[in-house]
Amino acid sequence: MTELCFVTHNPHKVREIRQMLGKTFRVLSLDDIGYFEEIPENQQTLEGNSFEKAKTIFGKFQIPSFADDTGLEVPAINNEPGIYSARYAGPQKNSDDNIDLLLRKLIDIKDRKARFRTVITLIDRSGPRQFEGIVHGKITRVREGSEGFGYDPVFIPEGYQKTFAQLMLEEKNRISHRGIAFRKLVRYLQEKSISDQ
């Protein structure tokens, strides 16, 4: 069984990818390999941050590693919050504060188009590979729904009347930026596994 490290401390993300990959792969979290530090995200792009995280763990443990980075991009305010999505309103990384700041900046703006973008970097002995997932939508004027996390209560995906926070988790995962990027990663790993046999 192939071992991979998902560069995260988030057990929900790990469970999600384990379900998607099935029994061919053993997915370990940072906690599983005994790495309890936070990896700095100092790069200026999602691609750079996810690469930095995967490279750090692959370099230290020599285990195939993948990391994701996600940003909400709103063109009307210069694609903010972008790479600062988690800490938009400050280093405390509080979702309510972040949403409040976003809604204040958009208060008089009619064009509320937005997109969520996830980039996953996988690094193994054959080098780095990146997988992107994008979902387009718009920002609401008030919070709606109680599911999900982050900006989910104010983001309505294209083709829907509900925010991410009003959708059932399975439905959200099916259309979400993270789900799209993960499925590309899973497809690549499964094809690679077959070709290596």
Protein backbone atom coordinates (compact mmCIF):
# COMPACT_ATOMS: atom_id res chain seq x y z
CA MET A 1 0.00 0.00 0.00
CA THR A 2 1.39 3.41 -1.02
CA GLU A 3 1.82 5.93 1.81
CA LEU A 4 1.17 9.63 1.27
CA CYS A 5 1.27 12.58 3.65
CA PHE A 6 -1.48 15.16 3.44
CA VAL A 7 0.18 18.31 4.78
CA THR A 8 -2.58 19.33 7.19
CA HIS A 9 -3.58 19.10 10.84
CA ASN A 10 -7.28 19.16 9.84
CA PRO A 11 -8.89 15.74 10.52
CA HIS A 12 -11.97 16.58 8.38
CA LYS A 13 -9.84 17.17 5.28
CA VAL A 14 -7.91 13.93 5.91
CA ARG A 15 -11.11 11.89 6.29
CA GLU A 16 -12.49 13.35 3.07
CA ILE A 17 -9.43 12.43 0.99
CA ARG A 18 -9.18 8.95 2.58
CA GLN A 19 -12.73 8.26 1.43
CA MET A 20 -11.93 9.43 -2.08
CA LEU A 21 -8.71 7.39 -2.41
CA GLY A 22 -10.02 4.11 -1.03
CA LYS A 23 -7.76 1.30 0.16
CA THR A 24 -4.96 1.57 -2.40
CA PHE A 25 -3.32 4.42 -0.49
CA ARG A 26 -2.61 5.07 3.17
CA VAL A 27 -3.05 8.81 3.80
CA LEU A 28 -1.19 10.17 6.82
CA SER A 29 -1.71 13.61 8.36
CA LEU A 30 1.00 15.80 9.88
CA ASP A 31 -0.09 14.54 13.30
CA ASP A 32 0.33 10.91 12.13
CA ILE A 33 3.97 11.53 11.16
CA GLY A 34 4.72 13.52 14.32
CA TYR A 35 5.01 16.99 12.75
CA PHE A 36 3.16 19.44 15.01
CA GLU A 37 4.51 22.78 13.80
CA GLU A 38 2.72 25.22 11.51
CA ILE A 39 4.41 25.61 8.13
CA PRO A 40 4.72 29.32 7.23
CA GLU A 41 2.77 30.45 4.16
CA ASN A 42 5.00 33.28 2.92
CA GLN A 43 4.52 32.97 -0.83
CA GLN A 44 2.53 35.43 -2.95
CA THR A 45 0.37 32.83 -4.72
CA LEU A 46 -1.75 29.79 -3.86
CA GLU A 47 0.58 27.77 -6.09
CA GLY A 48 3.60 28.98 -4.11
CA ASN A 49 2.08 28.31 -0.69
CA SER A 50 0.90 24.79 -1.50
CA PHE A 51 4.30 23.99 -3.10
CA GLU A 52 6.17 25.32 -0.04
CA LYS A 53 4.14 23.16 2.35
CA ALA A 54 4.51 19.96 0.31
CA LYS A 55 8.22 20.60 -0.28
CA THR A 56 8.87 21.11 3.45
CA ILE A 57 7.42 17.73 4.41
CA PHE A 58 8.82 15.79 1.45
CA GLY A 59 12.27 17.25 2.14
CA LYS A 60 12.14 16.33 5.82
CA PHE A 61 10.49 12.88 5.69
CA GLN A 62 11.06 11.70 2.08
CA ILE A 63 7.43 10.55 1.89
CA PRO A 64 5.26 11.57 -1.09
CA SER A 65 3.44 14.66 0.19
CA PHE A 66 0.60 16.88 -0.99
CA ALA A 67 -0.69 20.19 0.32
CA ASP A 68 -3.55 22.49 -0.61
CA ASP A 69 -4.05 26.23 -0.43
CA THR A 70 -7.35 27.98 -1.07
CA GLY A 71 -8.37 31.57 -1.64
CA LEU A 72 -11.55 33.53 -2.27
CA GLU A 73 -11.03 36.03 -5.10
CA VAL A 74 -13.39 39.01 -5.64
CA PRO A 75 -12.49 40.95 -8.82
CA ALA A 76 -14.30 44.16 -7.72
CA ILE A 77 -11.82 44.57 -4.83
CA ASN A 78 -8.59 43.59 -6.66
CA ASN A 79 -9.13 39.84 -6.14
CA GLU A 80 -9.08 40.21 -2.35
CA PRO A 81 -8.87 38.41 -0.01
CA GLY A 82 -6.92 35.90 -2.17
CA ILE A 83 -3.94 34.34 -0.41
CA TYR A 84 -4.90 36.24 2.75
CA SER A 85 -8.36 34.62 2.91
CA ALA A 86 -7.81 32.91 6.28
CA ARG A 87 -6.24 35.97 7.92
CA TYR A 88 -8.03 38.74 6.01
CA ALA A 89 -9.10 40.61 9.16
CA GLY A 90 -5.97 39.78 11.13
CA PRO A 91 -3.71 37.03 12.45
CA GLN A 92 -6.45 35.63 14.71
CA LYS A 93 -7.92 33.90 11.59
CA ASN A 94 -11.51 34.50 12.72
CA SER A 95 -14.10 33.65 10.04
CA ASP A 96 -16.73 36.08 11.35
CA ASP A 97 -14.23 38.96 11.37
CA ASN A 98 -13.14 38.03 7.83
CA ILE A 99 -16.73 37.97 6.56
CA ASP A 100 -17.53 41.29 8.28
CA LEU A 101 -14.55 42.94 6.58
CA LEU A 102 -15.46 41.49 3.17
CA LEU A 103 -19.10 42.63 3.42
CA ARG A 104 -18.01 46.13 4.53
CA LYS A 105 -15.70 46.44 1.51
CA LEU A 106 -18.52 45.36 -0.82
CA ILE A 107 -21.31 47.39 0.81
CA ASP A 108 -21.74 49.84 -2.11
CA ILE A 109 -20.55 47.51 -4.88
CA LYS A 110 -23.07 46.01 -7.31
CA ASP A 111 -20.65 43.61 -9.04
CA ARG A 112 -20.38 40.84 -6.46
CA LYS A 113 -18.86 38.16 -8.68
CA ALA A 114 -16.34 35.95 -6.90
CA ARG A 115 -14.57 32.65 -7.22
CA PHE A 116 -13.04 30.12 -4.88
CA ARG A 117 -9.77 28.62 -6.07
CA THR A 118 -7.84 25.66 -4.61
CA VAL A 119 -4.37 24.57 -5.71
CA ILE A 120 -2.95 21.21 -4.58
CA THR A 121 0.76 20.43 -4.97
CA LEU A 122 1.95 16.82 -4.89
CA ILE A 123 5.68 16.18 -4.53
CA ASP A 124 7.26 12.73 -4.83
CA ARG A 125 10.45 11.37 -6.35
CA SER A 126 9.24 12.25 -9.85
CA GLY A 127 8.98 15.95 -8.89
CA PRO A 128 6.12 18.38 -8.21
CA ARG A 129 2.68 18.35 -9.85
CA GLN A 130 -0.17 20.81 -9.31
CA PHE A 131 -3.95 20.41 -9.56
CA GLU A 132 -6.42 23.32 -9.59
CA GLY A 133 -10.10 23.55 -8.74
CA ILE A 134 -12.23 26.65 -9.35
CA VAL A 135 -15.88 27.41 -8.59
CA HIS A 136 -17.48 30.68 -9.73
CA GLY A 137 -20.26 32.45 -7.88
CA LYS A 138 -21.17 35.66 -6.07
CA ILE A 139 -21.06 37.21 -2.61
CA THR A 140 -24.36 37.75 -0.76
CA ARG A 141 -25.21 40.86 1.26
CA VAL A 142 -25.90 38.91 4.47
CA ARG A 143 -24.90 35.54 5.94
CA GLU A 144 -27.15 32.64 4.99
CA GLY A 145 -26.89 29.08 6.36
CA SER A 146 -25.03 27.42 9.20
CA GLU A 147 -23.09 24.58 7.55
CA GLY A 148 -19.52 24.69 6.25
CA PHE A 149 -16.83 27.09 7.39
CA GLY A 150 -14.91 30.19 6.33
CA TYR A 151 -16.75 32.28 3.73
CA ASP A 152 -19.38 29.60 3.00
CA PRO A 153 -22.31 31.64 4.48
CA VAL A 154 -21.77 34.49 1.97
CA PHE A 155 -20.84 32.57 -1.22
CA ILE A 156 -23.50 31.40 -3.68
CA PRO A 157 -22.05 29.08 -6.35
CA GLU A 158 -23.05 29.67 -9.97
CA GLY A 159 -26.31 27.92 -10.91
CA TYR A 160 -27.54 27.79 -7.30
CA GLN A 161 -29.84 29.92 -5.15
CA LYS A 162 -28.22 28.80 -1.89
CA THR A 163 -24.91 29.59 -0.24
CA PHE A 164 -22.32 26.88 0.40
CA ALA A 165 -23.44 27.05 4.05
CA GLN A 166 -27.00 26.09 3.06
CA LEU A 167 -26.01 23.08 0.96
CA MET A 168 -25.69 19.52 2.24
CA LEU A 169 -22.01 18.58 2.66
CA GLU A 170 -22.14 15.90 -0.08
CA GLU A 171 -23.61 18.38 -2.56
CA LYS A 172 -21.07 21.04 -1.63
CA ASN A 173 -18.16 18.58 -2.01
CA ARG A 174 -19.45 17.55 -5.44
CA ILE A 175 -19.24 21.10 -6.85
CA SER A 176 -16.64 22.77 -4.63
CA HIS A 177 -13.23 24.06 -5.66
CA ARG A 178 -11.53 21.73 -3.17
CA GLY A 179 -13.56 18.75 -4.39
CA ILE A 180 -12.62 19.47 -8.03
CA ALA A 181 -8.90 19.77 -7.21
CA PHE A 182 -8.95 16.65 -5.01
CA ARG A 183 -10.67 14.59 -7.72
CA LYS A 184 -7.93 15.60 -10.19
CA LEU A 185 -5.29 14.52 -7.65
CA VAL A 186 -7.08 11.22 -6.97
CA ARG A 187 -7.40 10.47 -10.69
CA TYR A 188 -3.69 11.13 -11.20
CA LEU A 189 -2.67 8.94 -8.23
CA GLN A 190 -4.91 6.08 -9.32
CA GLU A 191 -3.62 6.19 -12.92
CA LYS A 192 -0.02 6.38 -11.66
CA SER A 193 -0.64 3.42 -9.34
CA ILE A 194 -1.96 1.31 -12.22
CA SER A 195 0.98 2.24 -14.50
CA ASP A 196 3.49 1.40 -11.73
CA GLN A 197 2.16 -2.16 -11.37
